[in-house]
Amino acid sequence: MGSSAEEVVGTGNKRGRLPAFFMFGAATFLFWAALYLYVPILPEYAESKGAGLSMVGAVIASYAIAQLLLRIPLGISADILGKRKPFVVAGLLIATLGALGMAMAPGPWLLFAARAITGVSATTWVISSVLFVSFFPAEKSARGIGIISFVNSVAMVTATFSGGLMAEAWGSESVFYIGAALGVLGALLLIPVAEPSVERGRSYTLGDLKKVLTHPVLLTASFLSLFVHFADFATGFSFTLVYAEEIGASSDDLGLITAIFLGSASLANLASVYMIERWGYQKTIVLGACIFGTALVAIPHISDLGQLEGLQVISGVGRGLLYTSLMALSISAVPLAHRATSMGVFQAVYALGMLTGPIVGGVMADGLGISSVFYLSGSVVILTGALSLVS
């Protein structure tokens, strides 16, 4: 795979490259909006379908099952075949299918299954993120990761804030139907766009695969990200919202709380690019871990929604610094032609954190109280920063 945008797109025509660049960016926005519009109300919605706290955790965790199983094979397939647009379009349509399933689910187990379908959709982030980064020279990969992570976060902010308001105004089911429509719109947006040409992995051998799978930099980034996503999905996308509801949050409050968290993370995504270029990966990771972990430990000590929103700002900054730094680190030392594989490994490993975080959090919340979820998650994040110093 070439290292410049012109080589990846293949046409050498700047007029052709720019529309593709922006169309894929817009489709990425719609992709994440389709997946996250209903996230603020999902714990409450699951409880309304008869789920206890452990089942709420399981419903949220089901999103990670396919990501854990499919991301590595998907990345390998993309590197070998050189076909990426079909994966991205399919991901948008599967997001639609999962959202429709959740809207119509009569009970928690079918809700669990439908949420798992949306996890299949999310596996295509492996392809779309690498595709976007391919528009940048190799030495500017972190910048590409920062920009596409910013698009990712802005979509989540817009979706979660809007989703809470929509649920308050029109009812919970409407949010799932609108999410389904966004998936279709994103797919329609991409269909007329010519697929950028990517060099096929003609020399892709088992030896190459082994080198990628065992690369120490990739493994370090992946396992540190696992801990971050464990905490992220045990708190920000699940039990922070349950806690907020316990201290008086309404559906639109839940949307605002999530949007604040993701909004501050989106700004930190961009800031992390410049911090990485000036300070390096290690210092940026340690700073992000200290900020995120401390904020999580503080949550059980507040009982006011305004204070919780302030902590969400701090949490989001730490989360954004960690997310972009670790994602960029995962592909920093891997050949361009194997980056979809490395991204697949990175995202599959951190999907284990997405899966276990809400499940462990649910069990702990039921047995020890919800405060224990925040203490454990904050400790895990701070441990991430400490491990980065010795890795």
Protein backbone atom coordinates (compact mmCIF):
# COMPACT_ATOMS: atom_id res chain seq x y z
CA MET A 1 0.00 0.00 0.00
CA GLY A 2 1.36 3.41 -0.89
CA SER A 3 2.12 5.92 1.77
CA SER A 4 0.47 8.97 0.29
CA ALA A 5 -3.12 9.91 -0.31
CA GLU A 6 -2.57 10.02 -4.05
CA GLU A 7 -1.19 6.48 -4.16
CA VAL A 8 -4.05 5.10 -2.09
CA VAL A 9 -6.81 6.77 -4.04
CA GLY A 10 -5.04 5.83 -7.19
CA THR A 11 -6.46 8.38 -9.59
CA GLY A 12 -3.91 11.09 -8.84
CA ASN A 13 -6.75 13.55 -9.38
CA LYS A 14 -7.06 15.98 -6.48
CA ARG A 15 -10.59 16.88 -7.52
CA GLY A 16 -11.53 13.20 -7.23
CA ARG A 17 -9.69 12.65 -3.96
CA LEU A 18 -11.24 15.46 -1.94
CA PRO A 19 -14.90 14.42 -2.43
CA ALA A 20 -14.01 10.82 -1.51
CA PHE A 21 -12.17 12.05 1.60
CA PHE A 22 -15.16 14.09 2.77
CA MET A 23 -17.79 11.53 1.75
CA PHE A 24 -16.06 8.84 3.79
CA GLY A 25 -15.82 11.30 6.67
CA ALA A 26 -19.57 12.02 6.42
CA ALA A 27 -20.38 8.32 6.20
CA THR A 28 -18.24 7.71 9.29
CA PHE A 29 -20.24 10.37 11.11
CA LEU A 30 -23.53 8.70 10.16
CA PHE A 31 -22.14 5.26 11.04
CA TRP A 32 -21.35 6.24 14.62
CA ALA A 33 -24.53 8.29 14.94
CA ALA A 34 -26.54 5.22 13.92
CA LEU A 35 -24.77 3.14 16.59
CA TYR A 36 -24.88 5.65 19.45
CA LEU A 37 -28.14 7.58 19.12
CA TYR A 38 -29.80 5.27 21.64
CA VAL A 39 -26.82 4.66 23.97
CA PRO A 40 -27.91 7.13 26.71
CA ILE A 41 -31.28 5.46 27.09
CA LEU A 42 -30.17 1.84 26.57
CA PRO A 43 -29.68 0.95 30.26
CA GLU A 44 -33.05 2.49 31.17
CA TYR A 45 -34.67 0.87 28.10
CA ALA A 46 -33.26 -2.54 29.08
CA GLU A 47 -34.66 -2.14 32.60
CA SER A 48 -38.06 -1.28 31.08
CA LYS A 49 -37.93 -4.63 29.26
CA GLY A 50 -37.45 -6.47 32.55
CA ALA A 51 -33.64 -6.57 32.86
CA GLY A 52 -31.94 -6.44 36.28
CA LEU A 53 -28.59 -4.68 36.68
CA SER A 54 -26.61 -7.79 35.73
CA MET A 55 -28.70 -8.19 32.58
CA VAL A 56 -28.31 -4.48 31.81
CA GLY A 57 -24.56 -5.07 31.86
CA ALA A 58 -24.95 -8.11 29.62
CA VAL A 59 -27.04 -6.19 27.07
CA ILE A 60 -24.42 -3.46 26.86
CA ALA A 61 -21.60 -6.01 26.73
CA SER A 62 -23.22 -7.96 23.88
CA TYR A 63 -22.10 -5.16 21.57
CA ALA A 64 -18.53 -6.40 22.02
CA ILE A 65 -19.02 -10.11 21.22
CA ALA A 66 -18.74 -9.88 17.42
CA GLN A 67 -15.99 -7.29 17.71
CA LEU A 68 -13.94 -9.70 19.78
CA LEU A 69 -14.44 -12.56 17.32
CA LEU A 70 -14.50 -10.89 13.90
CA ARG A 71 -12.15 -7.92 13.88
CA ILE A 72 -8.90 -9.85 13.29
CA PRO A 73 -10.28 -11.96 10.40
CA LEU A 74 -11.85 -8.84 8.92
CA GLY A 75 -8.57 -6.93 9.02
CA ILE A 76 -6.65 -9.82 7.46
CA SER A 77 -9.26 -10.14 4.70
CA ALA A 78 -9.07 -6.45 3.88
CA ASP A 79 -5.26 -6.52 3.64
CA ILE A 80 -5.31 -9.58 1.37
CA LEU A 81 -8.25 -8.63 -0.86
CA GLY A 82 -7.73 -4.88 -1.10
CA LYS A 83 -11.52 -4.38 -0.92
CA ARG A 84 -12.78 -1.92 1.68
CA LYS A 85 -15.85 -0.01 0.57
CA PRO A 86 -18.15 -3.09 0.62
CA PHE A 87 -17.24 -3.72 4.25
CA VAL A 88 -18.06 -0.11 5.19
CA VAL A 89 -21.43 -0.14 3.36
CA ALA A 90 -22.32 -3.49 4.94
CA GLY A 91 -21.49 -2.10 8.37
CA LEU A 92 -23.97 0.74 7.92
CA LEU A 93 -26.75 -1.61 6.82
CA ILE A 94 -26.10 -4.01 9.70
CA ALA A 95 -26.33 -1.06 12.10
CA THR A 96 -29.81 -0.46 10.67
CA LEU A 97 -30.79 -4.09 11.21
CA GLY A 98 -29.63 -4.09 14.83
CA ALA A 99 -31.41 -0.82 15.65
CA LEU A 100 -34.68 -2.16 14.22
CA GLY A 101 -34.27 -5.32 16.27
CA MET A 102 -33.86 -3.34 19.50
CA ALA A 103 -36.90 -1.20 18.71
CA MET A 104 -39.07 -4.30 18.34
CA ALA A 105 -37.53 -6.49 21.06
CA PRO A 106 -40.24 -7.61 23.53
CA GLY A 107 -37.82 -8.65 26.27
CA PRO A 108 -34.21 -8.42 27.46
CA TRP A 109 -32.87 -11.50 25.65
CA LEU A 110 -34.00 -10.36 22.20
CA LEU A 111 -32.65 -6.93 23.10
CA PHE A 112 -29.35 -8.65 23.93
CA ALA A 113 -29.35 -10.37 20.50
CA ALA A 114 -30.17 -7.18 18.59
CA ARG A 115 -27.47 -5.23 20.41
CA ALA A 116 -25.03 -8.02 19.50
CA ILE A 117 -25.95 -7.47 15.83
CA THR A 118 -24.88 -3.83 16.13
CA GLY A 119 -21.53 -5.17 17.33
CA VAL A 120 -21.14 -6.92 13.98
CA SER A 121 -21.60 -3.51 12.38
CA ALA A 122 -18.97 -1.95 14.64
CA THR A 123 -16.34 -4.47 13.47
CA THR A 124 -16.09 -2.52 10.20
CA TRP A 125 -14.44 0.35 12.11
CA VAL A 126 -11.27 -1.68 11.50
CA ILE A 127 -11.64 -0.99 7.78
CA SER A 128 -12.97 2.57 7.79
CA SER A 129 -10.36 3.88 10.24
CA VAL A 130 -7.44 2.41 8.27
CA LEU A 131 -8.98 3.63 5.02
CA PHE A 132 -9.16 7.18 6.33
CA VAL A 133 -5.59 7.11 7.66
CA SER A 134 -4.44 6.01 4.20
CA PHE A 135 -5.15 9.53 2.96
CA PHE A 136 -2.16 10.71 5.02
CA PRO A 137 1.58 10.12 4.61
CA ALA A 138 2.95 7.37 6.86
CA GLU A 139 4.72 9.82 9.17
CA LYS A 140 1.41 11.65 9.74
CA SER A 141 -0.61 8.56 10.73
CA ALA A 142 -1.26 9.92 14.22
CA ARG A 143 -2.80 13.03 12.64
CA GLY A 144 -5.14 10.88 10.54
CA ILE A 145 -6.11 8.87 13.62
CA GLY A 146 -6.75 12.09 15.53
CA ILE A 147 -9.02 13.50 12.83
CA ILE A 148 -11.07 10.36 12.29
CA SER A 149 -11.31 9.89 16.07
CA PHE A 150 -12.59 13.48 16.24
CA VAL A 151 -15.27 12.66 13.65
CA ASN A 152 -16.10 9.54 15.65
CA SER A 153 -16.46 11.52 18.89
CA VAL A 154 -18.42 14.41 17.34
CA ALA A 155 -20.87 11.89 15.88
CA MET A 156 -21.24 10.28 19.30
CA VAL A 157 -21.75 13.66 20.98
CA THR A 158 -24.38 14.73 18.47
CA ALA A 159 -26.12 11.37 18.56
CA THR A 160 -26.18 10.88 22.32
CA PHE A 161 -27.35 14.40 23.05
CA SER A 162 -30.03 14.23 20.35
CA GLY A 163 -31.05 10.72 21.36
CA GLY A 164 -31.86 11.75 24.91
CA LEU A 165 -34.00 14.65 23.68
CA MET A 166 -35.77 12.45 21.14
CA ALA A 167 -36.55 9.82 23.76
CA GLU A 168 -37.97 12.47 26.07
CA ALA A 169 -40.13 13.95 23.30
CA TRP A 170 -41.22 10.92 21.26
CA GLY A 171 -40.56 7.85 23.36
CA SER A 172 -37.66 5.41 23.52
CA GLU A 173 -38.59 3.29 20.49
CA SER A 174 -38.42 6.31 18.16
CA VAL A 175 -34.70 6.69 18.84
CA PHE A 176 -33.97 3.19 17.55
CA TYR A 177 -35.98 3.77 14.37
CA ILE A 178 -34.16 7.04 13.68
CA GLY A 179 -30.83 5.28 14.25
CA ALA A 180 -31.87 2.69 11.68
CA ALA A 181 -32.65 5.45 9.17
CA LEU A 182 -29.21 7.01 9.68
CA GLY A 183 -27.57 3.70 8.79
CA VAL A 184 -29.45 3.56 5.50
CA LEU A 185 -28.59 7.20 4.75
CA GLY A 186 -24.89 6.53 5.31
CA ALA A 187 -24.94 3.53 2.99
CA LEU A 188 -26.71 5.54 0.27
CA LEU A 189 -24.11 8.26 0.66
CA LEU A 190 -21.28 5.82 -0.02
CA ILE A 191 -22.77 3.78 -2.87
CA PRO A 192 -22.00 6.31 -5.66
CA VAL A 193 -18.48 7.00 -4.35
CA ALA A 194 -15.72 5.28 -6.31
CA GLU A 195 -13.73 2.96 -4.06
CA PRO A 196 -10.12 4.04 -3.55
CA SER A 197 -7.74 1.50 -5.03
CA VAL A 198 -5.60 -0.32 -2.48
CA GLU A 199 -2.66 -2.53 -3.38
CA ARG A 200 -3.50 -6.16 -2.75
CA GLY A 201 -1.34 -8.06 -0.29
CA ARG A 202 0.34 -10.22 -2.94
CA SER A 203 3.18 -11.17 -0.60
CA TYR A 204 1.02 -11.62 2.49
CA THR A 205 2.27 -14.84 4.08
CA LEU A 206 1.80 -16.66 7.36
CA GLY A 207 5.17 -15.27 8.36
CA ASP A 208 3.92 -11.74 7.77
CA LEU A 209 0.82 -12.48 9.82
CA LYS A 210 2.90 -13.86 12.68
CA LYS A 211 5.09 -10.74 12.69
CA VAL A 212 2.03 -8.51 12.94
CA LEU A 213 0.31 -10.61 15.62
CA THR A 214 3.42 -10.71 17.81
CA HIS A 215 4.70 -7.17 17.28
CA PRO A 216 5.54 -5.86 20.78
CA VAL A 217 4.36 -2.29 20.10
CA LEU A 218 1.00 -3.52 18.78
CA LEU A 219 0.54 -5.90 21.71
CA THR A 220 1.41 -3.20 24.26
CA ALA A 221 -1.06 -0.73 22.74
CA SER A 222 -3.75 -3.40 22.48
CA PHE A 223 -3.58 -4.62 26.07
CA LEU A 224 -3.41 -1.12 27.51
CA SER A 225 -6.46 -0.23 25.44
CA LEU A 226 -8.24 -3.32 26.80
CA PHE A 227 -8.01 -1.85 30.32
CA VAL A 228 -9.19 1.56 29.13
CA HIS A 229 -12.21 0.10 27.34
CA PHE A 230 -13.02 -2.08 30.35
CA ALA A 231 -13.36 1.07 32.43
CA ASP A 232 -15.01 3.07 29.65
CA PHE A 233 -17.81 0.56 29.08
CA ALA A 234 -18.25 -0.25 32.77
CA THR A 235 -18.86 3.44 33.48
CA GLY A 236 -19.32 6.05 30.73
CA PHE A 237 -21.59 3.94 28.52
CA SER A 238 -23.42 2.08 31.27
CA PHE A 239 -23.24 2.56 35.04
CA THR A 240 -22.47 6.27 35.00
CA LEU A 241 -25.89 6.58 33.34
CA VAL A 242 -27.49 4.27 35.91
CA TYR A 243 -25.90 6.33 38.69
CA ALA A 244 -27.11 9.56 37.07
CA GLU A 245 -30.64 8.19 36.95
CA GLU A 246 -30.40 7.31 40.68
CA ILE A 247 -29.56 10.93 41.54
CA GLY A 248 -32.43 12.31 39.50
CA ALA A 249 -31.46 12.44 35.81
CA SER A 250 -34.19 12.37 33.16
CA SER A 251 -33.82 10.93 29.64
CA ASP A 252 -32.63 14.25 28.20
CA ASP A 253 -30.23 14.63 31.16
CA LEU A 254 -28.75 11.24 30.29
CA GLY A 255 -28.19 12.41 26.72
CA LEU A 256 -26.52 15.60 27.95
CA ILE A 257 -24.27 13.71 30.40
CA THR A 258 -23.09 11.35 27.67
CA ALA A 259 -22.66 14.18 25.18
CA ILE A 260 -20.52 16.16 27.63
CA PHE A 261 -18.30 13.13 28.17
CA LEU A 262 -17.86 12.49 24.46
CA GLY A 263 -17.61 16.18 23.55
CA SER A 264 -14.63 16.74 25.82
CA ALA A 265 -13.16 13.48 24.52
CA SER A 266 -13.48 14.73 20.93
CA LEU A 267 -11.48 17.87 21.71
CA ALA A 268 -8.88 15.76 23.49
CA ASN A 269 -8.66 13.55 20.37
CA LEU A 270 -7.36 16.53 18.42
CA ALA A 271 -5.15 17.81 21.25
CA SER A 272 -3.54 14.40 21.64
CA VAL A 273 -2.14 14.60 18.09
CA TYR A 274 -0.01 17.61 18.97
CA MET A 275 0.91 16.19 22.37
CA ILE A 276 2.12 12.96 20.77
CA GLU A 277 4.20 14.87 18.22
CA ARG A 278 5.79 16.99 20.96
CA TRP A 279 5.90 14.74 24.04
CA GLY A 280 5.68 11.23 22.61
CA TYR A 281 3.22 8.44 23.28
CA GLN A 282 4.24 7.51 26.82
CA LYS A 283 3.76 10.92 28.45
CA THR A 284 0.43 11.43 26.67
CA ILE A 285 -0.82 8.03 27.84
CA VAL A 286 0.24 8.61 31.45
CA LEU A 287 -1.44 12.02 31.54
CA GLY A 288 -4.67 10.63 30.07
CA ALA A 289 -4.70 7.73 32.55
CA CYS A 290 -4.22 10.02 35.55
CA ILE A 291 -7.02 12.34 34.45
CA PHE A 292 -9.52 9.61 33.51
CA GLY A 293 -8.83 7.36 36.50
CA THR A 294 -9.05 10.14 39.09
CA ALA A 295 -12.36 11.39 37.68
CA LEU A 296 -13.91 7.92 37.81
CA VAL A 297 -12.92 7.37 41.44
CA ALA A 298 -14.51 10.71 42.33
CA ILE A 299 -17.96 9.96 40.85
CA PRO A 300 -19.45 8.07 43.85
CA HIS A 301 -18.64 11.02 46.09
CA ILE A 302 -21.02 13.44 44.36
CA SER A 303 -24.81 13.58 44.41
CA ASP A 304 -25.53 16.57 42.19
CA LEU A 305 -26.11 16.40 38.43
CA GLY A 306 -24.10 19.56 37.80
CA GLN A 307 -21.10 18.07 39.61
CA LEU A 308 -21.48 14.86 37.64
CA GLU A 309 -21.46 16.83 34.39
CA GLY A 310 -18.24 18.54 35.51
CA LEU A 311 -16.62 15.18 36.20
CA GLN A 312 -17.77 13.99 32.78
CA VAL A 313 -15.77 16.81 31.19
CA ILE A 314 -12.65 15.68 33.06
CA SER A 315 -13.30 11.99 32.30
CA GLY A 316 -13.77 12.75 28.62
CA VAL A 317 -10.45 14.59 28.36
CA GLY A 318 -8.62 11.63 29.85
CA ARG A 319 -10.50 9.17 27.68
CA GLY A 320 -9.77 11.15 24.51
CA LEU A 321 -6.04 11.36 25.21
CA LEU A 322 -5.84 7.63 25.88
CA TYR A 323 -8.01 6.52 22.96
CA THR A 324 -6.15 8.41 20.23
CA SER A 325 -2.68 7.75 21.65
CA LEU A 326 -3.17 4.00 21.90
CA MET A 327 -4.90 3.72 18.53
CA ALA A 328 -2.11 5.61 16.76
CA LEU A 329 0.54 3.62 18.64
CA SER A 330 -0.99 0.34 17.47
CA ILE A 331 -0.17 1.03 13.80
CA SER A 332 2.93 3.18 14.29
CA ALA A 333 5.47 0.37 13.80
CA VAL A 334 3.55 -1.85 11.36
CA PRO A 335 4.09 -1.82 7.56
CA LEU A 336 1.42 0.07 5.62
CA ALA A 337 0.26 -3.04 3.76
CA HIS A 338 -0.56 -4.79 7.06
CA ARG A 339 -2.29 -1.98 8.90
CA ALA A 340 -5.82 -3.37 8.62
CA THR A 341 -4.55 -6.55 10.27
CA SER A 342 -2.86 -4.59 13.07
CA MET A 343 -5.96 -2.47 13.58
CA GLY A 344 -8.04 -5.64 13.67
CA VAL A 345 -5.83 -7.07 16.40
CA PHE A 346 -5.92 -3.81 18.36
CA GLN A 347 -9.69 -3.50 18.19
CA ALA A 348 -10.34 -7.19 18.87
CA VAL A 349 -8.23 -7.10 22.03
CA TYR A 350 -9.87 -3.95 23.36
CA ALA A 351 -13.28 -5.46 22.54
CA LEU A 352 -12.55 -7.90 25.37
CA GLY A 353 -12.59 -4.89 27.69
CA MET A 354 -15.86 -3.69 26.16
CA LEU A 355 -17.33 -7.14 26.81
CA THR A 356 -16.07 -7.72 30.34
CA GLY A 357 -16.42 -4.16 31.68
CA PRO A 358 -20.24 -3.99 31.72
CA ILE A 359 -20.59 -7.64 32.80
CA VAL A 360 -18.18 -7.32 35.73
CA GLY A 361 -19.69 -3.92 36.51
CA GLY A 362 -23.20 -5.37 36.59
CA VAL A 363 -22.21 -8.21 38.91
CA MET A 364 -20.35 -5.81 41.23
CA ALA A 365 -23.23 -3.30 41.22
CA ASP A 366 -25.68 -6.05 42.21
CA GLY A 367 -23.41 -7.52 44.88
CA LEU A 368 -21.37 -4.63 46.29
CA GLY A 369 -23.23 -1.51 45.21
CA ILE A 370 -22.73 0.77 42.22
CA SER A 371 -19.88 2.74 43.84
CA SER A 372 -17.63 -0.33 43.57
CA VAL A 373 -17.84 -0.13 39.75
CA PHE A 374 -16.26 3.32 39.73
CA TYR A 375 -13.53 2.43 42.23
CA LEU A 376 -12.53 -0.64 40.23
CA SER A 377 -12.67 1.18 36.87
CA GLY A 378 -10.64 4.14 38.10
CA SER A 379 -8.00 1.81 39.54
CA VAL A 380 -7.76 -0.10 36.27
CA VAL A 381 -7.21 3.12 34.30
CA ILE A 382 -4.52 4.36 36.67
CA LEU A 383 -2.86 0.94 36.38
CA THR A 384 -2.84 1.46 32.61
CA GLY A 385 -0.74 4.58 33.03
CA ALA A 386 1.66 2.79 35.37
CA LEU A 387 2.07 -0.15 32.97
CA SER A 388 2.88 2.22 30.10
CA LEU A 389 5.92 3.40 32.07
CA VAL A 390 7.39 -0.09 32.30
CA SER A 391 6.36 -1.50 28.90
